[in-house]
């Protein structure tokens, strides 16, 4: 699950809310109820699993069958009441075999998370685990830590094929011969990790979908190469196979609260056969295969976002969250939000400002915005955006830097926008310096965007001698900015002027005088 590229920041719920959601998930709440039910008469096998004779009673305690439903129902968690995973939580809602499987799954989670522990392996006895008390007396981080362990158990289960396949691949010594199965445990786990990473990225991206992600699109993101135009039949078949695997896996993952999932319509294949018959029998109903919801829809829950982010961070991926920088200095804030999308950068900055007095915050931001390094223009842009969120009380801080060669321009902009009196007019040198600085920041933030192209075209149109003066600007980014303007401007004559000006600026600075 590792990747060196930073991901967009995620907005997480407060840990207290996430902990409440974790406690309400069907699987963890069932595990906790079984841990409280377990006693001196509870017996487990060599691997800590409940013996078959006790599974019906455990299922009854969970309200999964008629047996024990009355006594268990009064203590049922809200998380037992719905969804694909939780749908089995109602009394009498599943048959005996399924109820036993759900009870066995919940017991395994209780064992793996330390809610119960094996006391005597030979006798098969168990006792209450040390972590059970943390669910009621521990803090949010304690609860979330237990939930994360339960998540790992569930993810491992989701990567395992059906039991029949495992039995068929078992050799005479009881070991699984993976070569007899079309299944690689490591590859399967990596595939599911990749799917969850893609789903996370879609969720946290500002241009991502507003609602759930269609399962075909998620499967295609793992199979179809980025540079492929029309997928081949072989690729489409792989996508279809991946969809079916994901359908099984998300059904397993929903009860732990990782996802909200609408499964693939089980009538889909049957309907496909009916569609063939419809071609031979005019008047028969035609199947509408354009309804993408029939093919499955999935989204990460707020708890799921927390869980996937935790796993990404453990794998070494840079996965920031909005609010990470609230207790850092202004220098860390401006550098940290440099690569954030606009909405996330504003949200992070608002939280940072909320913890500080406006005037002090403004002074700290302005001090951090100084510099001649490659990242300085974008820091000043982020500083300007942050100061736009500060009220008039910050005016003294802006007036203090009016004579500053790096900050005087943005200070004048801020004061003028607020209708302040006695704002000195900027010199021509300051205007050109601020222009170069602004374009350099836009290049760093957005690359050759449509907004930057409009800015470049506007500058060249408004100032006929812009390039004749711009190459002389004493700013480290001047050559790079002018070269970029030469690439971006659609008019060949203007672009040539920009490139000539860039050459002059670079020659003036000498070797190593500007960034490449």
Protein backbone atom coordinates (compact mmCIF):
# COMPACT_ATOMS: atom_id res chain seq x y z
CA UNK A 1 0.00 0.00 0.00
CA UNK A 2 3.03 2.22 -0.29
CA UNK A 3 3.37 5.21 -2.60
CA UNK A 4 5.74 8.13 -2.39
CA UNK A 5 3.36 10.79 -3.75
CA UNK A 6 1.40 12.75 -1.11
CA UNK A 7 -2.35 12.38 -1.17
CA UNK A 8 -4.83 15.25 -0.85
CA UNK A 9 -5.79 16.06 2.74
CA UNK A 10 -8.82 14.33 4.18
CA UNK A 11 -11.43 15.89 6.45
CA UNK A 12 -12.04 13.55 9.35
CA UNK A 13 -14.72 13.59 12.00
CA UNK A 14 -13.56 14.23 15.58
CA UNK A 15 -12.14 11.11 17.22
CA UNK A 16 -14.97 10.99 19.74
CA UNK A 17 -17.54 10.72 16.93
CA UNK A 18 -15.45 8.13 15.09
CA UNK A 19 -15.17 6.07 18.29
CA UNK A 20 -18.95 6.12 18.70
CA UNK A 21 -19.33 4.95 15.11
CA UNK A 22 -16.78 2.18 15.71
CA UNK A 23 -18.70 0.91 18.74
CA UNK A 24 -21.90 0.87 16.69
CA UNK A 25 -20.53 -1.22 13.82
CA UNK A 26 -22.28 -4.58 13.61
CA UNK A 27 -19.13 -6.67 13.73
CA UNK A 28 -17.39 -4.97 16.66
CA UNK A 29 -20.60 -4.70 18.66
CA UNK A 30 -21.23 -8.41 18.15
CA UNK A 31 -17.67 -9.21 19.16
CA UNK A 32 -18.10 -7.20 22.36
CA UNK A 33 -21.38 -8.96 23.20
CA UNK A 34 -19.79 -12.37 22.74
CA UNK A 35 -16.85 -11.32 24.93
CA UNK A 36 -19.30 -10.37 27.71
CA UNK A 37 -21.22 -13.62 27.20
CA UNK A 38 -18.14 -15.88 27.39
CA UNK A 39 -17.66 -17.65 30.72
CA UNK A 40 -16.25 -20.72 32.43
CA UNK A 41 -18.36 -23.06 30.29
CA UNK A 42 -17.23 -21.53 26.98
CA UNK A 43 -14.97 -23.86 25.01
CA UNK A 44 -12.67 -23.18 22.08
CA UNK A 45 -10.63 -25.28 19.70
CA UNK A 46 -6.89 -25.36 19.14
CA UNK A 47 -6.96 -22.09 17.17
CA UNK A 48 -9.13 -20.28 19.69
CA UNK A 49 -12.30 -20.72 17.61
CA UNK A 50 -15.59 -21.52 19.30
CA UNK A 51 -16.36 -25.23 19.18
CA UNK A 52 -19.21 -26.14 16.86
CA UNK A 53 -21.49 -27.09 19.75
CA UNK A 54 -21.45 -23.55 21.10
CA UNK A 55 -22.03 -21.68 17.86
CA UNK A 56 -25.85 -21.96 18.00
CA UNK A 57 -25.88 -20.51 21.52
CA UNK A 58 -23.50 -17.71 20.47
CA UNK A 59 -25.72 -16.94 17.48
CA UNK A 60 -28.71 -16.80 19.80
CA UNK A 61 -26.94 -14.38 22.12
CA UNK A 62 -26.41 -12.12 19.12
CA UNK A 63 -30.07 -12.31 18.18
CA UNK A 64 -29.25 -14.01 14.88
CA UNK A 65 -31.67 -16.91 15.49
CA UNK A 66 -34.82 -17.47 17.49
CA UNK A 67 -32.74 -19.03 20.28
CA UNK A 68 -31.69 -16.38 22.80
CA UNK A 69 -33.16 -13.57 20.73
CA UNK A 70 -35.38 -12.29 23.48
CA UNK A 71 -32.62 -11.88 26.04
CA UNK A 72 -30.12 -10.54 23.54
CA UNK A 73 -32.43 -8.06 21.89
CA UNK A 74 -32.52 -5.66 24.83
CA UNK A 75 -28.77 -5.06 24.64
CA UNK A 76 -28.47 -4.94 20.86
CA UNK A 77 -26.30 -2.18 19.52
CA UNK A 78 -27.71 0.25 17.02
CA UNK A 79 -25.01 -1.02 14.69
CA UNK A 80 -26.67 -4.45 14.56
CA UNK A 81 -29.76 -3.09 12.90
CA UNK A 82 -29.08 -2.55 9.24
CA UNK A 83 -26.95 -2.59 6.14
CA UNK A 84 -25.63 -5.59 4.26
CA UNK A 85 -23.49 -6.77 7.17
CA UNK A 86 -25.87 -5.63 9.88
CA UNK A 87 -28.96 -6.92 8.15
CA UNK A 88 -28.37 -10.27 9.78
CA UNK A 89 -28.58 -8.67 13.19
CA UNK A 90 -32.32 -9.01 13.59
CA UNK A 91 -33.67 -11.98 15.52
CA UNK A 92 -34.54 -14.86 13.27
CA UNK A 93 -33.14 -12.96 10.26
CA UNK A 94 -30.78 -15.69 9.00
CA UNK A 95 -30.74 -19.46 8.78
CA UNK A 96 -28.75 -21.60 11.17
CA UNK A 97 -25.69 -22.02 8.96
CA UNK A 98 -25.36 -18.31 8.24
CA UNK A 99 -26.00 -17.44 11.89
CA UNK A 100 -23.23 -19.79 12.98
CA UNK A 101 -20.86 -18.24 10.43
CA UNK A 102 -21.64 -14.72 11.66
CA UNK A 103 -21.15 -15.78 15.27
CA UNK A 104 -17.85 -17.45 14.40
CA UNK A 105 -16.69 -14.29 12.62
CA UNK A 106 -17.61 -12.11 15.59
CA UNK A 107 -15.81 -14.45 17.99
CA UNK A 108 -12.67 -14.35 15.85
CA UNK A 109 -12.73 -10.53 15.99
CA UNK A 110 -13.20 -10.65 19.77
CA UNK A 111 -10.18 -12.93 20.06
CA UNK A 112 -7.95 -10.94 17.69
CA UNK A 113 -8.77 -7.62 19.35
CA UNK A 114 -8.10 -8.85 22.88
CA UNK A 115 -11.71 -8.65 24.03
CA UNK A 116 -11.39 -12.31 25.01
CA UNK A 117 -8.31 -14.45 25.53
CA UNK A 118 -7.56 -18.14 25.76
CA UNK A 119 -6.78 -19.09 29.35
CA UNK A 120 -5.89 -22.77 28.92
CA UNK A 121 -5.18 -24.06 25.42
CA UNK A 122 -5.38 -27.72 26.43
CA UNK A 123 -8.67 -27.33 28.27
CA UNK A 124 -9.98 -24.85 25.70
CA UNK A 125 -11.11 -22.32 28.28
CA UNK A 126 -11.31 -18.56 27.82
CA UNK A 127 -11.60 -15.44 29.91
CA UNK A 128 -12.30 -11.75 29.52
CA UNK A 129 -9.53 -9.92 27.69
CA UNK A 130 -7.85 -6.81 29.08
CA UNK A 131 -9.10 -4.67 26.20
CA UNK A 132 -12.80 -5.33 26.77
CA UNK A 133 -12.97 -2.69 29.49
CA UNK A 134 -11.47 -0.11 27.11
CA UNK A 135 -14.65 -0.15 25.04
CA UNK A 136 -16.53 1.47 27.91
CA UNK A 137 -13.85 3.12 30.05
CA UNK A 138 -11.13 3.92 27.52
CA UNK A 139 -10.74 7.06 25.46
CA UNK A 140 -11.58 7.48 21.76
CA UNK A 141 -8.07 6.46 20.70
CA UNK A 142 -8.38 3.22 22.70
CA UNK A 143 -11.64 2.36 20.97
CA UNK A 144 -10.30 3.27 17.55
CA UNK A 145 -7.18 1.19 18.16
CA UNK A 146 -9.37 -1.86 18.87
CA UNK A 147 -11.46 -1.10 15.78
CA UNK A 148 -8.32 -0.89 13.61
CA UNK A 149 -7.28 -4.33 14.81
CA UNK A 150 -10.76 -5.64 13.97
CA UNK A 151 -10.42 -4.04 10.55
CA UNK A 152 -7.19 -5.94 9.88
CA UNK A 153 -8.92 -9.21 10.77
CA UNK A 154 -11.79 -8.38 8.44
CA UNK A 155 -9.49 -7.37 5.59
CA UNK A 156 -7.65 -10.67 5.94
CA UNK A 157 -10.99 -12.50 5.78
CA UNK A 158 -12.03 -10.51 2.71
CA UNK A 159 -8.89 -11.62 0.87
CA UNK A 160 -9.59 -15.33 1.40
CA UNK A 161 -11.52 -17.28 -1.28
CA UNK A 162 -14.55 -19.38 -0.48
CA UNK A 163 -14.11 -22.30 1.91
CA UNK A 164 -14.85 -24.92 -0.76
CA UNK A 165 -11.85 -23.74 -2.76
CA UNK A 166 -9.62 -23.97 0.30
CA UNK A 167 -10.79 -27.51 1.11
CA UNK A 168 -10.13 -28.66 -2.44
CA UNK A 169 -6.61 -27.22 -2.31
CA UNK A 170 -5.71 -28.88 1.00
CA UNK A 171 -3.16 -31.68 0.76
CA UNK A 172 -3.06 -34.87 2.80
CA UNK A 173 -1.04 -33.17 5.54
CA UNK A 174 -3.67 -30.48 6.07
CA UNK A 175 -1.59 -27.75 4.40
CA UNK A 176 -3.08 -25.54 1.66
CA UNK A 177 -1.43 -26.04 -1.73
CA UNK A 178 -1.83 -22.58 -3.27
CA UNK A 179 -0.53 -23.86 -6.62
CA UNK A 180 -3.78 -25.81 -7.00
CA UNK A 181 -5.81 -22.64 -6.66
CA UNK A 182 -6.07 -19.64 -8.92
CA UNK A 183 -5.24 -17.50 -5.89
CA UNK A 184 -2.15 -15.77 -4.55
CA UNK A 185 -2.68 -14.55 -0.96
CA UNK A 186 -0.12 -11.74 -1.28
CA UNK A 187 -1.42 -10.59 -4.65
CA UNK A 188 -5.01 -10.67 -3.39
CA UNK A 189 -4.15 -8.54 -0.37
CA UNK A 190 -2.22 -6.11 -2.57
CA UNK A 191 -5.17 -5.86 -4.96
CA UNK A 192 -7.59 -5.02 -2.15
CA UNK A 193 -5.11 -2.49 -0.75
CA UNK A 194 -4.91 -0.86 -4.16
CA UNK A 195 -8.68 -0.73 -4.49
CA UNK A 196 -9.04 0.92 -1.08
CA UNK A 197 -6.31 3.43 -1.94
CA UNK A 198 -8.08 4.36 -5.18
CA UNK A 199 -11.40 4.66 -3.37
CA UNK A 200 -9.74 6.85 -0.73
CA UNK A 201 -8.16 9.04 -3.41
CA UNK A 202 -11.49 9.45 -5.19
CA UNK A 203 -13.12 10.40 -1.90
CA UNK A 204 -10.58 13.01 -0.79
CA UNK A 205 -10.01 14.61 -4.20
CA UNK A 206 -11.87 17.89 -4.63
CA UNK A 207 -12.88 16.88 -8.15
CA UNK A 208 -13.95 13.40 -7.06
CA UNK A 209 -17.52 12.06 -7.18
CA UNK A 210 -20.09 13.53 -4.79
CA UNK A 211 -21.82 10.21 -4.24
CA UNK A 212 -20.91 6.53 -4.13
CA UNK A 213 -18.53 5.09 -6.73
CA UNK A 214 -19.90 2.57 -9.25
CA UNK A 215 -18.20 -0.77 -8.80
CA UNK A 216 -17.30 -1.08 -12.53
CA UNK A 217 -15.43 2.25 -12.39
CA UNK A 218 -13.52 1.18 -9.27
CA UNK A 219 -12.60 -2.18 -10.80
CA UNK A 220 -11.54 -0.49 -14.03
CA UNK A 221 -9.25 1.86 -12.09
CA UNK A 222 -7.23 -1.21 -11.09
CA UNK A 223 -7.28 -3.02 -14.44
CA UNK A 224 -7.46 -0.60 -17.37
CA UNK A 225 -4.14 1.14 -18.16
CA UNK A 226 -4.27 4.94 -18.07
CA UNK A 227 -3.09 5.22 -21.67
CA UNK A 228 -5.57 2.69 -23.07
CA UNK A 229 -8.24 4.14 -25.33
CA UNK A 230 -10.94 1.54 -25.96
CA UNK A 231 -10.56 -1.44 -23.59
CA UNK A 232 -10.09 -4.81 -25.30
CA UNK A 233 -12.45 -7.71 -24.68
CA UNK A 234 -9.76 -9.36 -22.56
CA UNK A 235 -9.45 -6.26 -20.38
CA UNK A 236 -13.22 -5.97 -20.05
CA UNK A 237 -13.37 -9.60 -18.92
CA UNK A 238 -10.72 -8.85 -16.28
CA UNK A 239 -12.76 -5.87 -15.09
CA UNK A 240 -15.84 -8.08 -14.83
CA UNK A 241 -13.92 -10.68 -12.81
CA UNK A 242 -12.56 -7.96 -10.54
CA UNK A 243 -16.09 -6.64 -9.98
CA UNK A 244 -17.26 -10.03 -8.79
CA UNK A 245 -14.29 -10.33 -6.42
CA UNK A 246 -14.94 -6.85 -5.06
CA UNK A 247 -18.64 -7.60 -4.64
CA UNK A 248 -17.75 -10.48 -2.32
CA UNK A 249 -15.10 -8.45 -0.51
CA UNK A 250 -17.22 -5.36 0.14
CA UNK A 251 -20.00 -7.55 1.53
CA UNK A 252 -17.45 -8.77 4.06
CA UNK A 253 -16.13 -5.28 4.80
CA UNK A 254 -19.42 -3.47 5.33
CA UNK A 255 -20.20 -4.96 8.79
CA UNK A 256 -16.95 -3.51 10.22
CA UNK A 257 -18.08 -0.06 9.10
CA UNK A 258 -15.42 0.50 6.45
CA UNK A 259 -17.83 1.06 3.57
CA UNK A 260 -21.44 1.62 2.69
CA UNK A 261 -22.17 -0.86 -0.05
CA UNK A 262 -25.02 -1.57 -2.43
CA UNK A 263 -24.22 -5.05 -3.79
CA UNK A 264 -24.32 -6.21 -7.38
CA UNK A 265 -27.87 -7.18 -8.31
CA UNK A 266 -27.93 -10.96 -8.01
CA UNK A 267 -30.52 -11.10 -10.78
CA UNK A 268 -28.11 -9.44 -13.19
CA UNK A 269 -26.81 -12.61 -14.81
CA UNK A 270 -30.28 -14.12 -14.98
CA UNK A 271 -31.58 -10.94 -16.56
CA UNK A 272 -28.78 -11.10 -19.11
CA UNK A 273 -30.03 -14.53 -20.16
CA UNK A 274 -33.56 -13.17 -20.37
CA UNK A 275 -32.33 -10.43 -22.66
CA UNK A 276 -31.13 -13.06 -25.11
CA UNK A 277 -34.59 -14.66 -25.03
CA UNK A 278 -36.18 -11.27 -25.63
CA UNK A 279 -34.43 -11.04 -28.97
CA UNK A 280 -36.19 -14.24 -30.06
CA UNK A 281 -39.60 -13.41 -28.56
CA UNK A 282 -40.88 -9.97 -29.56
CA UNK A 283 -42.96 -8.43 -26.84
CA UNK A 284 -40.93 -9.93 -23.99
CA UNK A 285 -39.58 -7.38 -21.44
CA UNK A 286 -36.25 -5.91 -22.40
CA UNK A 287 -33.61 -5.69 -19.67
CA UNK A 288 -32.36 -2.19 -18.91
CA UNK A 289 -28.63 -2.70 -18.47
CA UNK A 290 -27.92 1.04 -18.36
CA UNK A 291 -28.79 1.30 -14.65
CA UNK A 292 -25.30 1.46 -13.16
CA UNK A 293 -26.65 0.97 -9.64
CA UNK A 294 -27.37 -2.66 -10.50
CA UNK A 295 -23.64 -3.25 -10.80
CA UNK A 296 -22.86 -2.16 -7.25
CA UNK A 297 -22.14 1.17 -5.54
CA UNK A 298 -19.61 1.77 -2.79
CA UNK A 299 -18.35 4.61 -0.66
CA UNK A 300 -16.00 4.89 2.29
CA UNK A 301 -17.72 5.83 5.52
CA UNK A 302 -16.22 8.54 7.74
CA UNK A 303 -14.87 5.68 9.85
CA UNK A 304 -13.58 4.04 6.68
CA UNK A 305 -11.68 7.18 5.72
CA UNK A 306 -10.03 7.12 9.14
CA UNK A 307 -9.15 3.44 8.80
CA UNK A 308 -7.75 3.57 5.27
CA UNK A 309 -5.73 6.69 6.12
CA UNK A 310 -4.24 4.94 9.16
CA UNK A 311 -3.21 1.99 6.99
CA UNK A 312 -1.77 4.27 4.31
CA UNK A 313 0.32 6.11 6.90
CA UNK A 314 1.56 2.83 8.35
CA UNK A 315 2.68 1.88 4.83
CA UNK A 316 4.66 5.11 4.53
CA UNK A 317 2.22 7.08 2.37
CA UNK A 318 1.91 10.80 3.07
CA UNK A 319 -1.81 11.13 3.81
CA UNK A 320 -2.46 14.44 5.58
CA UNK A 321 -5.67 15.42 7.34
CA UNK A 322 -7.18 18.86 7.66
CA UNK A 323 -6.29 20.04 11.16
CA UNK A 324 -2.83 18.44 11.27
CA UNK A 325 -1.17 21.86 11.24
CA UNK A 326 -3.26 23.77 13.79
CA UNK A 327 -0.56 23.61 16.45
CA UNK A 328 2.35 24.32 14.09
CA UNK A 329 4.03 27.61 13.27
CA UNK A 330 3.03 29.81 10.35
CA UNK A 331 6.05 28.62 8.36
CA UNK A 332 4.84 25.01 8.59
CA UNK A 333 1.29 26.08 7.74
CA UNK A 334 2.30 27.96 4.59
CA UNK A 335 4.65 25.21 3.39
CA UNK A 336 2.24 22.44 4.39
CA UNK A 337 -0.74 23.88 2.55
CA UNK A 338 1.30 24.74 -0.54
CA UNK A 339 0.20 21.56 -2.32
CA UNK A 340 -3.32 21.47 -0.84
CA UNK A 341 -6.32 22.00 -3.10
CA UNK A 342 -7.92 25.45 -2.50
CA UNK A 343 -10.83 24.31 -0.33
CA UNK A 344 -8.62 22.13 1.88
CA UNK A 345 -6.02 24.90 2.22
CA UNK A 346 -8.72 27.33 3.34
CA UNK A 347 -10.18 24.84 5.83
CA UNK A 348 -6.74 24.16 7.32
CA UNK A 349 -5.99 27.87 7.54
CA UNK A 350 -9.34 28.66 9.16
CA UNK A 351 -8.65 26.11 11.89
CA UNK A 352 -5.15 27.53 12.39
CA UNK A 353 -6.45 31.10 12.67
CA UNK A 354 -9.21 30.09 15.09
CA UNK A 355 -6.57 29.25 17.71
CA UNK A 356 -4.78 32.60 17.53
CA UNK A 357 -5.36 36.30 18.01
CA UNK A 358 -5.81 37.88 14.58
CA UNK A 359 -3.08 40.52 14.88
CA UNK A 360 -0.50 38.05 16.19
CA UNK A 361 -1.47 35.55 13.51
CA UNK A 362 -1.07 38.16 10.77
CA UNK A 363 2.41 39.12 11.98
CA UNK A 364 3.46 35.48 12.17
CA UNK A 365 2.15 34.78 8.66
CA UNK A 366 3.93 37.77 7.17
CA UNK A 367 7.21 36.81 8.81
CA UNK A 368 6.92 33.26 7.46
CA UNK A 369 6.15 34.52 3.93
CA UNK A 370 9.56 36.12 3.47
CA UNK A 371 12.26 34.38 1.49
CA UNK A 372 13.98 34.01 -1.87
CA UNK A 373 13.89 30.23 -2.12
CA UNK A 374 11.90 28.40 -4.81
CA UNK A 375 8.92 27.88 -2.51
CA UNK A 376 8.68 31.50 -1.35
CA UNK A 377 6.24 32.79 -4.04
CA UNK A 378 3.70 30.09 -3.19
CA UNK A 379 4.16 30.77 0.53
CA UNK A 380 3.34 34.43 -0.11
CA UNK A 381 0.25 33.44 -2.11
CA UNK A 382 -0.92 31.21 0.73
CA UNK A 383 -0.13 34.05 3.15
CA UNK A 384 -2.24 36.45 1.10
CA UNK A 385 -5.10 33.94 1.04
CA UNK A 386 -4.80 33.43 4.80
CA UNK A 387 -4.81 37.17 5.46
CA UNK A 388 -8.02 37.47 3.45
CA UNK A 389 -9.67 35.54 6.30
CA UNK A 390 -8.43 37.98 8.95
CA UNK A 391 -10.43 41.04 9.95
CA UNK A 392 -9.48 44.70 10.06
CA UNK A 393 -7.83 44.19 13.45
CA UNK A 394 -4.78 42.92 11.55
CA UNK A 395 -4.22 46.27 9.79
CA UNK A 396 -1.23 47.32 11.96
CA UNK A 397 0.66 44.19 10.91
CA UNK A 398 0.14 45.01 7.24
CA UNK A 399 1.18 48.62 7.65
CA UNK A 400 4.38 47.48 9.35
CA UNK A 401 5.54 45.79 6.12
CA UNK A 402 4.58 48.48 3.58
CA UNK A 403 8.26 49.21 2.95
CA UNK A 404 9.28 45.57 2.80
CA UNK A 405 10.41 44.73 -0.78
CA UNK A 406 8.85 41.22 -0.61
CA UNK A 407 5.67 41.97 1.35
CA UNK A 408 4.90 45.61 0.57
CA UNK A 409 2.95 44.76 -2.55
CA UNK A 410 0.60 42.24 -0.96
CA UNK A 411 0.20 44.57 2.05
CA UNK A 412 -1.02 47.34 -0.25
CA UNK A 413 -3.46 44.95 -1.94
CA UNK A 414 -4.87 43.86 1.43
CA UNK A 415 -5.26 47.44 2.72
CA UNK A 416 -6.80 48.72 -0.50
CA UNK A 417 -9.34 45.89 -0.67
CA UNK A 418 -10.51 46.84 2.82
CA UNK A 419 -10.81 50.54 1.99
CA UNK A 420 -8.04 51.60 4.34
CA UNK A 421 -6.96 55.24 4.22
CA UNK A 422 -3.50 56.60 3.41
CA UNK A 423 -2.25 53.59 1.47
CA UNK A 424 0.89 54.70 -0.42
CA UNK A 425 0.96 53.96 -4.14
CA UNK A 426 3.44 51.24 -5.10
CA UNK A 427 6.47 52.02 -7.20
CA UNK A 428 6.71 50.59 -10.71
CA UNK A 429 9.48 48.27 -9.52
CA UNK A 430 7.21 46.93 -6.76
CA UNK A 431 4.35 46.38 -9.22
CA UNK A 432 6.55 44.35 -11.57
CA UNK A 433 8.12 42.41 -8.68
CA UNK A 434 4.67 41.51 -7.33
CA UNK A 435 3.56 40.46 -10.82
CA UNK A 436 6.51 38.09 -11.24
CA UNK A 437 5.97 36.74 -7.73
CA UNK A 438 2.25 36.14 -8.38
CA UNK A 439 2.84 34.31 -11.67
CA UNK A 440 5.58 32.20 -10.05
CA UNK A 441 3.16 31.24 -7.27
CA UNK A 442 0.41 30.35 -9.74
CA UNK A 443 2.83 28.19 -11.71
CA UNK A 444 3.81 26.34 -8.55
CA UNK A 445 0.22 25.90 -7.43
CA UNK A 446 -1.57 25.01 -10.67
CA UNK A 447 0.93 24.65 -13.51
CA UNK A 448 -0.24 25.81 -16.93
CA UNK A 449 -3.88 26.23 -15.90
CA UNK A 450 -6.57 28.12 -17.80
CA UNK A 451 -6.56 30.78 -15.08
CA UNK A 452 -2.82 31.31 -15.45
CA UNK A 453 -3.13 31.49 -19.23
CA UNK A 454 -5.75 34.22 -18.87
CA UNK A 455 -3.49 36.10 -16.45
CA UNK A 456 -0.54 35.90 -18.85
CA UNK A 457 -2.60 37.06 -21.81
CA UNK A 458 -4.00 39.93 -19.75
CA UNK A 459 -0.56 41.10 -18.62
CA UNK A 460 0.82 41.13 -22.16
CA UNK A 461 -2.25 42.94 -23.50
CA UNK A 462 -2.36 45.63 -20.81
CA UNK A 463 1.33 46.45 -20.88
CA UNK A 464 2.76 46.75 -24.37
CA UNK A 465 6.29 47.01 -23.03
CA UNK A 466 5.84 44.44 -20.29
CA UNK A 467 8.64 42.13 -21.40
CA UNK A 468 11.04 45.00 -22.02
CA UNK A 469 10.76 45.88 -18.35
CA UNK A 470 10.05 42.48 -16.81
CA UNK A 471 13.42 40.90 -17.58
CA UNK A 472 15.09 43.49 -15.35
CA UNK A 473 13.00 42.57 -12.28
CA UNK A 474 15.25 41.53 -9.39
CA UNK A 475 13.35 38.37 -8.49
CA UNK A 476 14.88 34.84 -8.42
CA UNK A 477 11.97 33.46 -10.48
CA UNK A 478 12.05 36.06 -13.26
CA UNK A 479 13.71 33.87 -15.94
CA UNK A 480 11.45 30.91 -15.20
CA UNK A 481 8.31 33.05 -15.19
CA UNK A 482 9.16 34.63 -18.53
CA UNK A 483 9.96 31.25 -20.06
CA UNK A 484 6.62 29.95 -18.84
CA UNK A 485 4.85 32.95 -20.33
CA UNK A 486 6.53 32.13 -23.63
CA UNK A 487 5.16 28.59 -23.46
CA UNK A 488 1.68 29.60 -22.37
CA UNK A 489 0.86 32.63 -24.55
CA UNK A 490 -1.00 31.59 -27.71
CA UNK A 491 0.30 34.48 -29.82
CA UNK A 492 3.58 33.41 -31.44
CA UNK A 493 4.95 36.97 -31.61
CA UNK A 494 4.23 37.63 -27.93
CA UNK A 495 5.60 34.23 -26.98
CA UNK A 496 8.83 34.99 -28.81
CA UNK A 497 9.17 38.30 -26.93
CA UNK A 498 8.71 36.43 -23.65
CA UNK A 499 11.42 33.92 -24.53
CA UNK A 500 13.85 36.65 -25.53
CA UNK A 501 13.14 38.45 -22.25
CA UNK A 502 13.74 35.20 -20.35
CA UNK A 503 17.12 34.81 -22.06
CA UNK A 504 18.11 38.33 -21.06
CA UNK A 505 16.98 37.77 -17.47
CA UNK A 506 18.95 34.56 -17.16
CA UNK A 507 22.04 36.14 -18.70
CA UNK A 508 21.75 39.05 -16.28
CA UNK A 509 21.60 36.71 -13.29
CA UNK A 510 24.46 34.56 -14.45
CA UNK A 511 24.88 30.77 -14.00
CA UNK A 512 22.72 29.34 -11.21
CA UNK A 513 20.98 32.65 -10.64
CA UNK A 514 17.49 31.21 -11.10
CA UNK A 515 15.75 27.91 -10.77
CA UNK A 516 15.75 25.62 -13.76
